[in-house]
Amino acid sequence: MATVASALINLCQQVRDIFLQEPRLLRLQPPVYVLGDVHGNFRDLVSFEKALWRLGIPLTPANFLFLGNKTNLTKSLKITTQLLF
């Protein structure tokens, strides 16, 4: 049990170090689409695709900021992750 606890404490310290290195404020060039939690919902992501980036994200003259969770333990987890990345 002590090994698991030590591993968790070590992981938390590593994650803390990463978070402290990341900026708190993102400076994005307009236009920017701000989208909420996707939670692995493939249907919502397809709706965003049809409405906002019909030619694909790389060909859309805008920036996209996804807030919160992008994936979740759903059946469409893999395909949602693939579409985002």
C-alpha atoms as a PDB file:
ATOM      1  CA  MET A   1       0.000   0.000   0.000  1.00  0.00           C
ATOM      2  CA  ALA A   2       2.863   2.367   0.774  1.00  0.00           C
ATOM      3  CA  THR A   3       4.218   1.824  -2.739  1.00  0.00           C
ATOM      4  CA  VAL A   4       0.915   2.888  -4.305  1.00  0.00           C
ATOM      5  CA  ALA A   5       0.710   5.926  -2.038  1.00  0.00           C
ATOM      6  CA  SER A   6       4.286   6.908  -2.881  1.00  0.00           C
ATOM      7  CA  ALA A   7       3.588   6.514  -6.593  1.00  0.00           C
ATOM      8  CA  LEU A   8       0.483   8.722  -6.325  1.00  0.00           C
ATOM      9  CA  ILE A   9       2.356  11.402  -4.399  1.00  0.00           C
ATOM     10  CA  ASN A  10       5.158  11.311  -6.979  1.00  0.00           C
ATOM     11  CA  LEU A  11       2.643  11.573  -9.835  1.00  0.00           C
ATOM     12  CA  CYS A  12       0.915  14.542  -8.198  1.00  0.00           C
ATOM     13  CA  GLN A  13       4.244  16.322  -7.768  1.00  0.00           C
ATOM     14  CA  GLN A  14       5.134  15.754 -11.430  1.00  0.00           C
ATOM     15  CA  VAL A  15       1.745  17.039 -12.600  1.00  0.00           C
ATOM     16  CA  ARG A  16       2.058  20.078 -10.317  1.00  0.00           C
ATOM     17  CA  ASP A  17       5.427  20.923 -11.890  1.00  0.00           C
ATOM     18  CA  ILE A  18       3.915  20.727 -15.375  1.00  0.00           C
ATOM     19  CA  PHE A  19       0.941  22.913 -14.412  1.00  0.00           C
ATOM     20  CA  LEU A  20       3.215  25.537 -12.886  1.00  0.00           C
ATOM     21  CA  GLN A  21       5.126  25.794 -16.180  1.00  0.00           C
ATOM     22  CA  GLU A  22       2.000  26.350 -18.282  1.00  0.00           C
ATOM     23  CA  PRO A  23       0.665  29.868 -18.814  1.00  0.00           C
ATOM     24  CA  ARG A  24      -2.549  30.842 -17.044  1.00  0.00           C
ATOM     25  CA  LEU A  25      -3.573  33.118 -19.863  1.00  0.00           C
ATOM     26  CA  LEU A  26      -3.708  32.109 -23.505  1.00  0.00           C
ATOM     27  CA  ARG A  27      -3.312  34.819 -26.098  1.00  0.00           C
ATOM     28  CA  LEU A  28      -5.225  33.703 -29.164  1.00  0.00           C
ATOM     29  CA  GLN A  29      -5.654  35.527 -32.439  1.00  0.00           C
ATOM     30  CA  PRO A  30      -9.265  36.188 -33.469  1.00  0.00           C
ATOM     31  CA  PRO A  31     -11.522  34.779 -34.635  1.00  0.00           C
ATOM     32  CA  VAL A  32     -11.744  32.164 -31.880  1.00  0.00           C
ATOM     33  CA  TYR A  33     -14.464  29.590 -31.338  1.00  0.00           C
ATOM     34  CA  VAL A  34     -14.747  28.602 -27.670  1.00  0.00           C
ATOM     35  CA  LEU A  35     -16.336  25.194 -27.173  1.00  0.00           C
ATOM     36  CA  GLY A  36     -17.349  23.574 -23.897  1.00  0.00           C
ATOM     37  CA  ASP A  37     -16.824  20.051 -22.620  1.00  0.00           C
ATOM     38  CA  VAL A  38     -17.089  17.434 -25.346  1.00  0.00           C
ATOM     39  CA  HIS A  39     -16.984  14.451 -22.944  1.00  0.00           C
ATOM     40  CA  GLY A  40     -16.443  12.028 -25.813  1.00  0.00           C
ATOM     41  CA  ASN A  41     -19.794  12.950 -27.361  1.00  0.00           C
ATOM     42  CA  PHE A  42     -19.214  12.205 -31.019  1.00  0.00           C
ATOM     43  CA  ARG A  43     -22.603  13.566 -32.148  1.00  0.00           C
ATOM     44  CA  ASP A  44     -21.895  16.980 -30.607  1.00  0.00           C
ATOM     45  CA  LEU A  45     -18.455  17.047 -32.183  1.00  0.00           C
ATOM     46  CA  VAL A  46     -19.943  16.244 -35.602  1.00  0.00           C
ATOM     47  CA  SER A  47     -22.440  19.071 -35.089  1.00  0.00           C
ATOM     48  CA  PHE A  48     -19.553  21.446 -34.387  1.00  0.00           C
ATOM     49  CA  GLU A  49     -17.787  20.149 -37.477  1.00  0.00           C
ATOM     50  CA  LYS A  50     -20.793  20.778 -39.725  1.00  0.00           C
ATOM     51  CA  ALA A  51     -21.361  24.261 -38.332  1.00  0.00           C
ATOM     52  CA  LEU A  52     -17.838  25.573 -37.783  1.00  0.00           C
ATOM     53  CA  TRP A  53     -15.171  23.745 -39.762  1.00  0.00           C
ATOM     54  CA  ARG A  54     -16.700  22.293 -42.894  1.00  0.00           C
ATOM     55  CA  LEU A  55     -13.332  22.172 -44.679  1.00  0.00           C
ATOM     56  CA  GLY A  56     -11.506  20.665 -41.703  1.00  0.00           C
ATOM     57  CA  ILE A  57      -9.874  22.385 -38.771  1.00  0.00           C
ATOM     58  CA  PRO A  58      -6.548  23.032 -40.592  1.00  0.00           C
ATOM     59  CA  LEU A  59      -8.364  24.818 -43.443  1.00  0.00           C
ATOM     60  CA  THR A  60     -10.691  26.888 -41.259  1.00  0.00           C
ATOM     61  CA  PRO A  61      -9.469  30.482 -40.808  1.00  0.00           C
ATOM     62  CA  ALA A  62     -10.105  30.500 -37.055  1.00  0.00           C
ATOM     63  CA  ASN A  63      -8.738  29.203 -33.774  1.00  0.00           C
ATOM     64  CA  PHE A  64     -10.560  26.681 -31.613  1.00  0.00           C
ATOM     65  CA  LEU A  65     -10.390  26.566 -27.826  1.00  0.00           C
ATOM     66  CA  PHE A  66     -11.854  23.455 -26.200  1.00  0.00           C
ATOM     67  CA  LEU A  67     -12.647  23.905 -22.514  1.00  0.00           C
ATOM     68  CA  GLY A  68     -12.751  21.136 -19.952  1.00  0.00           C
ATOM     69  CA  ASN A  69     -12.927  17.452 -20.691  1.00  0.00           C
ATOM     70  CA  LYS A  70     -12.544  16.245 -24.221  1.00  0.00           C
ATOM     71  CA  THR A  71     -12.927  12.558 -23.615  1.00  0.00           C
ATOM     72  CA  ASN A  72     -14.834  10.298 -21.301  1.00  0.00           C
ATOM     73  CA  LEU A  73     -15.424   6.570 -20.967  1.00  0.00           C
ATOM     74  CA  THR A  74     -18.027   6.318 -23.706  1.00  0.00           C
ATOM     75  CA  LYS A  75     -18.403   4.000 -26.662  1.00  0.00           C
ATOM     76  CA  SER A  76     -17.307   6.761 -29.025  1.00  0.00           C
ATOM     77  CA  LEU A  77     -14.184   7.666 -27.031  1.00  0.00           C
ATOM     78  CA  LYS A  78     -11.700   6.488 -29.665  1.00  0.00           C
ATOM     79  CA  ILE A  79     -13.359   8.103 -32.663  1.00  0.00           C
ATOM     80  CA  THR A  80     -13.959  11.382 -30.792  1.00  0.00           C
ATOM     81  CA  THR A  81     -10.312  11.537 -29.764  1.00  0.00           C
ATOM     82  CA  GLN A  82      -9.188  10.770 -33.322  1.00  0.00           C
ATOM     83  CA  LEU A  83     -11.367  13.525 -34.749  1.00  0.00           C
ATOM     84  CA  LEU A  84      -9.999  16.079 -32.299  1.00  0.00           C
ATOM     85  CA  PHE A  85      -6.358  15.179 -32.798  1.00  0.00           C
END
